[in-house]
PDB file of all heavy atoms in Angstrom:
ATOM      1  N   LEU A   1      96.219  55.807 125.862  1.00  0.00           N
ATOM      2  CA  LEU A   1      97.305  56.787 125.860  1.00  0.00           C
ATOM      3  C   LEU A   1      97.926  56.975 124.491  1.00  0.00           C
ATOM      4  O   LEU A   1      98.319  58.094 124.125  1.00  0.00           O
ATOM      5  CB  LEU A   1      98.391  56.361 126.860  1.00  0.00           C
ATOM      6  CG  LEU A   1      98.085  56.600 128.347  1.00  0.00           C
ATOM      7  CD1 LEU A   1      99.140  55.931 129.210  1.00  0.00           C
ATOM      8  CD2 LEU A   1      97.992  58.084 128.661  1.00  0.00           C
ATOM      9  N   PHE A   2      98.014  55.890 123.710  1.00  0.00           N
ATOM     10  CA  PHE A   2      98.809  55.964 122.487  1.00  0.00           C
ATOM     11  C   PHE A   2      98.065  55.636 121.193  1.00  0.00           C
ATOM     12  O   PHE A   2      98.584  55.896 120.111  1.00  0.00           O
ATOM     13  CB  PHE A   2     100.008  55.006 122.596  1.00  0.00           C
ATOM     14  CG  PHE A   2     100.907  55.314 123.753  1.00  0.00           C
ATOM     15  CD1 PHE A   2     100.969  54.459 124.838  1.00  0.00           C
ATOM     16  CD2 PHE A   2     101.673  56.471 123.769  1.00  0.00           C
ATOM     17  CE1 PHE A   2     101.803  54.737 125.914  1.00  0.00           C
ATOM     18  CE2 PHE A   2     102.501  56.765 124.841  1.00  0.00           C
ATOM     19  CZ  PHE A   2     102.558  55.897 125.917  1.00  0.00           C
ATOM     20  N   VAL A   3      96.846  55.067 121.282  1.00  0.00           N
ATOM     21  CA  VAL A   3      96.150  54.640 120.072  1.00  0.00           C
ATOM     22  C   VAL A   3      94.881  55.433 119.826  1.00  0.00           C
ATOM     23  O   VAL A   3      94.698  56.011 118.753  1.00  0.00           O
ATOM     24  CB  VAL A   3      95.811  53.131 120.119  1.00  0.00           C
ATOM     25  CG1 VAL A   3      95.058  52.715 118.858  1.00  0.00           C
ATOM     26  CG2 VAL A   3      97.081  52.313 120.285  1.00  0.00           C
ATOM     27  N   ASP A   4      93.997  55.485 120.813  1.00  0.00           N
ATOM     28  CA  ASP A   4      92.682  56.085 120.607  1.00  0.00           C
ATOM     29  C   ASP A   4      92.786  57.591 120.383  1.00  0.00           C
ATOM     30  O   ASP A   4      93.450  58.299 121.116  1.00  0.00           O
ATOM     31  CB  ASP A   4      91.787  55.833 121.827  1.00  0.00           C
ATOM     32  CG  ASP A   4      90.436  56.499 121.675  1.00  0.00           C
ATOM     33  OD1 ASP A   4      89.787  56.283 120.644  1.00  0.00           O
ATOM     34  OD2 ASP A   4      90.052  57.258 122.583  1.00  0.00           O
ATOM     35  N   HIS A   5      92.071  58.072 119.360  1.00  0.00           N
ATOM     36  CA  HIS A   5      92.000  59.501 119.088  1.00  0.00           C
ATOM     37  C   HIS A   5      90.561  59.986 119.009  1.00  0.00           C
ATOM     38  O   HIS A   5      90.292  61.074 118.533  1.00  0.00           O
ATOM     39  CB  HIS A   5      92.723  59.831 117.773  1.00  0.00           C
ATOM     40  CG  HIS A   5      94.175  59.463 117.798  1.00  0.00           C
ATOM     41  ND1 HIS A   5      95.104  60.119 118.585  1.00  0.00           N
ATOM     42  CD2 HIS A   5      94.853  58.477 117.154  1.00  0.00           C
ATOM     43  CE1 HIS A   5      96.298  59.576 118.411  1.00  0.00           C
ATOM     44  NE2 HIS A   5      96.175  58.575 117.554  1.00  0.00           N
ATOM     45  N   GLY A   6      89.643  59.160 119.463  1.00  0.00           N
ATOM     46  CA  GLY A   6      88.250  59.561 119.540  1.00  0.00           C
ATOM     47  C   GLY A   6      87.541  59.631 118.210  1.00  0.00           C
ATOM     48  O   GLY A   6      86.445  60.172 118.109  1.00  0.00           O
ATOM     49  N   GLY A   7      88.133  59.092 117.156  1.00  0.00           N
ATOM     50  CA  GLY A   7      87.500  59.174 115.851  1.00  0.00           C
ATOM     51  C   GLY A   7      86.849  57.863 115.456  1.00  0.00           C
ATOM     52  O   GLY A   7      86.850  56.881 116.192  1.00  0.00           O
ATOM     53  N   LYS A   8      86.274  57.833 114.247  1.00  0.00           N
ATOM     54  CA  LYS A   8      85.642  56.630 113.750  1.00  0.00           C
ATOM     55  C   LYS A   8      86.693  55.666 113.197  1.00  0.00           C
ATOM     56  O   LYS A   8      87.770  56.059 112.774  1.00  0.00           O
ATOM     57  CB  LYS A   8      84.621  56.972 112.666  1.00  0.00           C
ATOM     58  CG  LYS A   8      83.404  57.714 113.190  1.00  0.00           C
ATOM     59  CD  LYS A   8      82.324  57.799 112.138  1.00  0.00           C
ATOM     60  CE  LYS A   8      81.068  58.446 112.711  1.00  0.00           C
ATOM     61  NZ  LYS A   8      79.942  58.434 111.742  1.00  0.00           N
ATOM     62  N   VAL A   9      86.342  54.403 113.220  1.00  0.00           N
ATOM     63  CA  VAL A   9      87.198  53.387 112.627  1.00  0.00           C
ATOM     64  C   VAL A   9      86.381  52.632 111.586  1.00  0.00           C
ATOM     65  O   VAL A   9      85.169  52.534 111.688  1.00  0.00           O
ATOM     66  CB  VAL A   9      87.716  52.389 113.694  1.00  0.00           C
ATOM     67  CG1 VAL A   9      88.610  53.082 114.678  1.00  0.00           C
ATOM     68  CG2 VAL A   9      86.568  51.713 114.415  1.00  0.00           C
ATOM     69  N   ARG A  10      87.078  52.128 110.567  1.00  0.00           N
ATOM     70  CA  ARG A  10      86.389  51.325 109.569  1.00  0.00           C
ATOM     71  C   ARG A  10      86.019  49.992 110.193  1.00  0.00           C
ATOM     72  O   ARG A  10      86.850  49.308 110.785  1.00  0.00           O
ATOM     73  CB  ARG A  10      87.285  51.129 108.351  1.00  0.00           C
ATOM     74  CG  ARG A  10      87.609  52.410 107.618  1.00  0.00           C
ATOM     75  CD  ARG A  10      88.456  52.139 106.402  1.00  0.00           C
ATOM     76  NE  ARG A  10      87.754  51.298 105.443  1.00  0.00           N
ATOM     77  CZ  ARG A  10      88.288  50.825 104.312  1.00  0.00           C
ATOM     78  NH1 ARG A  10      89.553  51.116 104.015  1.00  0.00           N
ATOM     79  NH2 ARG A  10      87.585  50.064 103.501  1.00  0.00           N
ATOM     80  N   MET A  11      84.743  49.598 110.056  1.00  0.00           N
ATOM     81  CA  MET A  11      84.291  48.421 110.769  1.00  0.00           C
ATOM     82  C   MET A  11      83.307  47.620 109.917  1.00  0.00           C
ATOM     83  O   MET A  11      82.177  48.048 109.687  1.00  0.00           O
ATOM     84  CB  MET A  11      83.623  48.832 112.091  1.00  0.00           C
ATOM     85  CG  MET A  11      83.244  47.654 112.981  1.00  0.00           C
ATOM     86  SD  MET A  11      82.526  48.209 114.537  1.00  0.00           S
ATOM     87  CE  MET A  11      83.871  49.148 115.239  1.00  0.00           C
ATOM     88  N   GLY A  12      83.769  46.460 109.443  1.00  0.00           N
ATOM     89  CA  GLY A  12      82.887  45.555 108.739  1.00  0.00           C
ATOM     90  C   GLY A  12      82.138  44.669 109.717  1.00  0.00           C
ATOM     91  O   GLY A  12      82.272  44.800 110.939  1.00  0.00           O
ATOM     92  N   ALA A  13      81.378  43.728 109.180  1.00  0.00           N
ATOM     93  CA  ALA A  13      80.535  42.870 110.015  1.00  0.00           C
ATOM     94  C   ALA A  13      81.359  42.010 110.970  1.00  0.00           C
ATOM     95  O   ALA A  13      81.025  41.872 112.149  1.00  0.00           O
ATOM     96  CB  ALA A  13      79.664  41.984 109.127  1.00  0.00           C
ATOM     97  N   TRP A  14      82.478  41.442 110.460  1.00  0.00           N
ATOM     98  CA  TRP A  14      83.289  40.567 111.307  1.00  0.00           C
ATOM     99  C   TRP A  14      83.961  41.349 112.433  1.00  0.00           C
ATOM    100  O   TRP A  14      84.026  40.881 113.577  1.00  0.00           O
ATOM    101  CB  TRP A  14      84.343  39.841 110.468  1.00  0.00           C
ATOM    102  CG  TRP A  14      83.766  38.748 109.638  1.00  0.00           C
ATOM    103  CD1 TRP A  14      83.585  38.749 108.282  1.00  0.00           C
ATOM    104  CD2 TRP A  14      83.256  37.488 110.104  1.00  0.00           C
ATOM    105  NE1 TRP A  14      83.004  37.570 107.877  1.00  0.00           N
ATOM    106  CE2 TRP A  14      82.792  36.771 108.973  1.00  0.00           C
ATOM    107  CE3 TRP A  14      83.155  36.899 111.363  1.00  0.00           C
ATOM    108  CZ2 TRP A  14      82.231  35.506 109.061  1.00  0.00           C
ATOM    109  CZ3 TRP A  14      82.595  35.625 111.458  1.00  0.00           C
ATOM    110  CH2 TRP A  14      82.138  34.948 110.323  1.00  0.00           C
ATOM    111  N   LYS A  15      84.447  42.531 112.132  1.00  0.00           N
ATOM    112  CA  LYS A  15      85.075  43.337 113.171  1.00  0.00           C
ATOM    113  C   LYS A  15      84.036  43.771 114.208  1.00  0.00           C
ATOM    114  O   LYS A  15      84.312  43.765 115.410  1.00  0.00           O
ATOM    115  CB  LYS A  15      85.749  44.574 112.563  1.00  0.00           C
ATOM    116  CG  LYS A  15      86.488  45.428 113.594  1.00  0.00           C
ATOM    117  CD  LYS A  15      87.168  46.635 112.964  1.00  0.00           C
ATOM    118  CE  LYS A  15      88.393  46.225 112.191  1.00  0.00           C
ATOM    119  NZ  LYS A  15      89.168  47.411 111.729  1.00  0.00           N
ATOM    120  N   ALA A  16      82.838  44.126 113.754  1.00  0.00           N
ATOM    121  CA  ALA A  16      81.771  44.524 114.677  1.00  0.00           C
ATOM    122  C   ALA A  16      81.425  43.369 115.617  1.00  0.00           C
ATOM    123  O   ALA A  16      81.267  43.560 116.829  1.00  0.00           O
ATOM    124  CB  ALA A  16      80.535  44.972 113.897  1.00  0.00           C
ATOM    125  N   CYS A  17      81.314  42.157 115.057  1.00  0.00           N
ATOM    126  CA  CYS A  17      81.015  40.982 115.890  1.00  0.00           C
ATOM    127  C   CYS A  17      82.121  40.736 116.909  1.00  0.00           C
ATOM    128  O   CYS A  17      81.847  40.413 118.078  1.00  0.00           O
ATOM    129  CB  CYS A  17      80.830  39.749 115.015  1.00  0.00           C
ATOM    130  SG  CYS A  17      79.320  39.760 114.022  1.00  0.00           S
ATOM    131  N   ALA A  18      83.371  40.883 116.469  1.00  0.00           N
ATOM    132  CA  ALA A  18      84.507  40.688 117.371  1.00  0.00           C
ATOM    133  C   ALA A  18      84.472  41.712 118.504  1.00  0.00           C
ATOM    134  O   ALA A  18      84.726  41.375 119.673  1.00  0.00           O
ATOM    135  CB  ALA A  18      85.816  40.785 116.599  1.00  0.00           C
ATOM    136  N   PHE A  19      84.159  42.955 118.182  1.00  0.00           N
ATOM    137  CA  PHE A  19      84.084  44.001 119.195  1.00  0.00           C
ATOM    138  C   PHE A  19      83.015  43.664 120.230  1.00  0.00           C
ATOM    139  O   PHE A  19      83.218  43.834 121.435  1.00  0.00           O
ATOM    140  CB  PHE A  19      83.772  45.349 118.539  1.00  0.00           C
ATOM    141  CG  PHE A  19      84.989  46.089 118.058  1.00  0.00           C
ATOM    142  CD1 PHE A  19      86.056  45.412 117.510  1.00  0.00           C
ATOM    143  CD2 PHE A  19      85.053  47.469 118.141  1.00  0.00           C
ATOM    144  CE1 PHE A  19      87.186  46.085 117.063  1.00  0.00           C
ATOM    145  CE2 PHE A  19      86.182  48.155 117.701  1.00  0.00           C
ATOM    146  CZ  PHE A  19      87.245  47.464 117.151  1.00  0.00           C
ATOM    147  N   ILE A  20      81.859  43.189 119.765  1.00  0.00           N
ATOM    148  CA  ILE A  20      80.754  42.861 120.673  1.00  0.00           C
ATOM    149  C   ILE A  20      81.140  41.715 121.599  1.00  0.00           C
ATOM    150  O   ILE A  20      80.924  41.774 122.815  1.00  0.00           O
ATOM    151  CB  ILE A  20      79.489  42.505 119.857  1.00  0.00           C
ATOM    152  CG1 ILE A  20      78.957  43.747 119.132  1.00  0.00           C
ATOM    153  CG2 ILE A  20      78.405  41.924 120.774  1.00  0.00           C
ATOM    154  CD1 ILE A  20      77.885  43.447 118.107  1.00  0.00           C
ATOM    155  N   VAL A  21      81.733  40.661 121.034  1.00  0.00           N
ATOM    156  CA  VAL A  21      82.084  39.483 121.835  1.00  0.00           C
ATOM    157  C   VAL A  21      83.174  39.810 122.852  1.00  0.00           C
ATOM    158  O   VAL A  21      83.056  39.478 124.043  1.00  0.00           O
ATOM    159  CB  VAL A  21      82.547  38.327 120.908  1.00  0.00           C
ATOM    160  CG1 VAL A  21      83.146  37.186 121.735  1.00  0.00           C
ATOM    161  CG2 VAL A  21      81.374  37.813 120.087  1.00  0.00           C
ATOM    162  N   VAL A  22      84.238  40.464 122.412  1.00  0.00           N
ATOM    163  CA  VAL A  22      85.340  40.801 123.320  1.00  0.00           C
ATOM    164  C   VAL A  22      84.865  41.767 124.411  1.00  0.00           C
ATOM    165  O   VAL A  22      85.220  41.626 125.584  1.00  0.00           O
ATOM    166  CB  VAL A  22      86.530  41.399 122.547  1.00  0.00           C
ATOM    167  CG1 VAL A  22      87.610  41.891 123.512  1.00  0.00           C
ATOM    168  CG2 VAL A  22      87.113  40.361 121.597  1.00  0.00           C
ATOM    169  N   SER A  23      84.046  42.727 124.041  1.00  0.00           N
ATOM    170  CA  SER A  23      83.517  43.677 125.011  1.00  0.00           C
ATOM    171  C   SER A  23      82.659  42.969 126.047  1.00  0.00           C
ATOM    172  O   SER A  23      82.741  43.259 127.249  1.00  0.00           O
ATOM    173  CB  SER A  23      82.694  44.750 124.294  1.00  0.00           C
ATOM    174  OG  SER A  23      82.202  45.698 125.218  1.00  0.00           O
ATOM    175  N   ALA A  24      81.837  42.022 125.595  1.00  0.00           N
ATOM    176  CA  ALA A  24      80.991  41.265 126.523  1.00  0.00           C
ATOM    177  C   ALA A  24      81.828  40.441 127.496  1.00  0.00           C
ATOM    178  O   ALA A  24      81.511  40.350 128.692  1.00  0.00           O
ATOM    179  CB  ALA A  24      80.046  40.359 125.737  1.00  0.00           C
ATOM    180  N   LEU A  25      82.911  39.830 127.003  1.00  0.00           N
ATOM    181  CA  LEU A  25      83.791  39.054 127.873  1.00  0.00           C
ATOM    182  C   LEU A  25      84.467  39.941 128.913  1.00  0.00           C
ATOM    183  O   LEU A  25      84.555  39.583 130.098  1.00  0.00           O
ATOM    184  CB  LEU A  25      84.852  38.340 127.028  1.00  0.00           C
ATOM    185  CG  LEU A  25      84.350  37.206 126.129  1.00  0.00           C
ATOM    186  CD1 LEU A  25      85.469  36.704 125.224  1.00  0.00           C
ATOM    187  CD2 LEU A  25      83.791  36.064 126.972  1.00  0.00           C
ATOM    188  N   CYS A  26      84.945  41.121 128.480  1.00  0.00           N
ATOM    189  CA  CYS A  26      85.585  42.058 129.413  1.00  0.00           C
ATOM    190  C   CYS A  26      84.579  42.561 130.447  1.00  0.00           C
ATOM    191  O   CYS A  26      84.908  42.740 131.626  1.00  0.00           O
ATOM    192  CB  CYS A  26      86.184  43.235 128.647  1.00  0.00           C
ATOM    193  SG  CYS A  26      87.599  42.796 127.616  1.00  0.00           S
ATOM    194  N   ASP A  27      83.363  42.773 130.005  1.00  0.00           N
ATOM    195  CA  ASP A  27      82.305  43.216 130.914  1.00  0.00           C
ATOM    196  C   ASP A  27      82.025  42.151 131.958  1.00  0.00           C
ATOM    197  O   ASP A  27      81.910  42.429 133.153  1.00  0.00           O
ATOM    198  CB  ASP A  27      81.037  43.513 130.106  1.00  0.00           C
ATOM    199  CG  ASP A  27      79.988  44.271 130.906  1.00  0.00           C
ATOM    200  OD1 ASP A  27      80.134  44.372 132.148  1.00  0.00           O
ATOM    201  OD2 ASP A  27      79.025  44.769 130.307  1.00  0.00           O
ATOM    202  N   ALA A  28      81.918  40.902 131.522  1.00  0.00           N
ATOM    203  CA  ALA A  28      81.585  39.805 132.434  1.00  0.00           C
ATOM    204  C   ALA A  28      82.676  39.556 133.461  1.00  0.00           C
ATOM    205  O   ALA A  28      82.400  39.403 134.659  1.00  0.00           O
ATOM    206  CB  ALA A  28      81.327  38.531 131.630  1.00  0.00           C
ATOM    207  N   PHE A  29      83.926  39.495 133.009  1.00  0.00           N
ATOM    208  CA  PHE A  29      85.017  39.139 133.911  1.00  0.00           C
ATOM    209  C   PHE A  29      85.573  40.323 134.692  1.00  0.00           C
ATOM    210  O   PHE A  29      85.974  40.171 135.846  1.00  0.00           O
ATOM    211  CB  PHE A  29      86.154  38.486 133.109  1.00  0.00           C
ATOM    212  CG  PHE A  29      85.886  37.067 132.725  1.00  0.00           C
ATOM    213  CD1 PHE A  29      85.542  36.741 131.425  1.00  0.00           C
ATOM    214  CD2 PHE A  29      85.964  36.048 133.659  1.00  0.00           C
ATOM    215  CE1 PHE A  29      85.287  35.432 131.053  1.00  0.00           C
ATOM    216  CE2 PHE A  29      85.715  34.732 133.316  1.00  0.00           C
ATOM    217  CZ  PHE A  29      85.371  34.419 132.005  1.00  0.00           C
TER     218      PHE A  29
END
């Protein structure tokens, strides 16, 4: 509602890894 605007975000290797891990946890639970 208040953050996402459908655009790209700057994403380095550590942020990409964090996104993958957190997304996998949310998917599992």
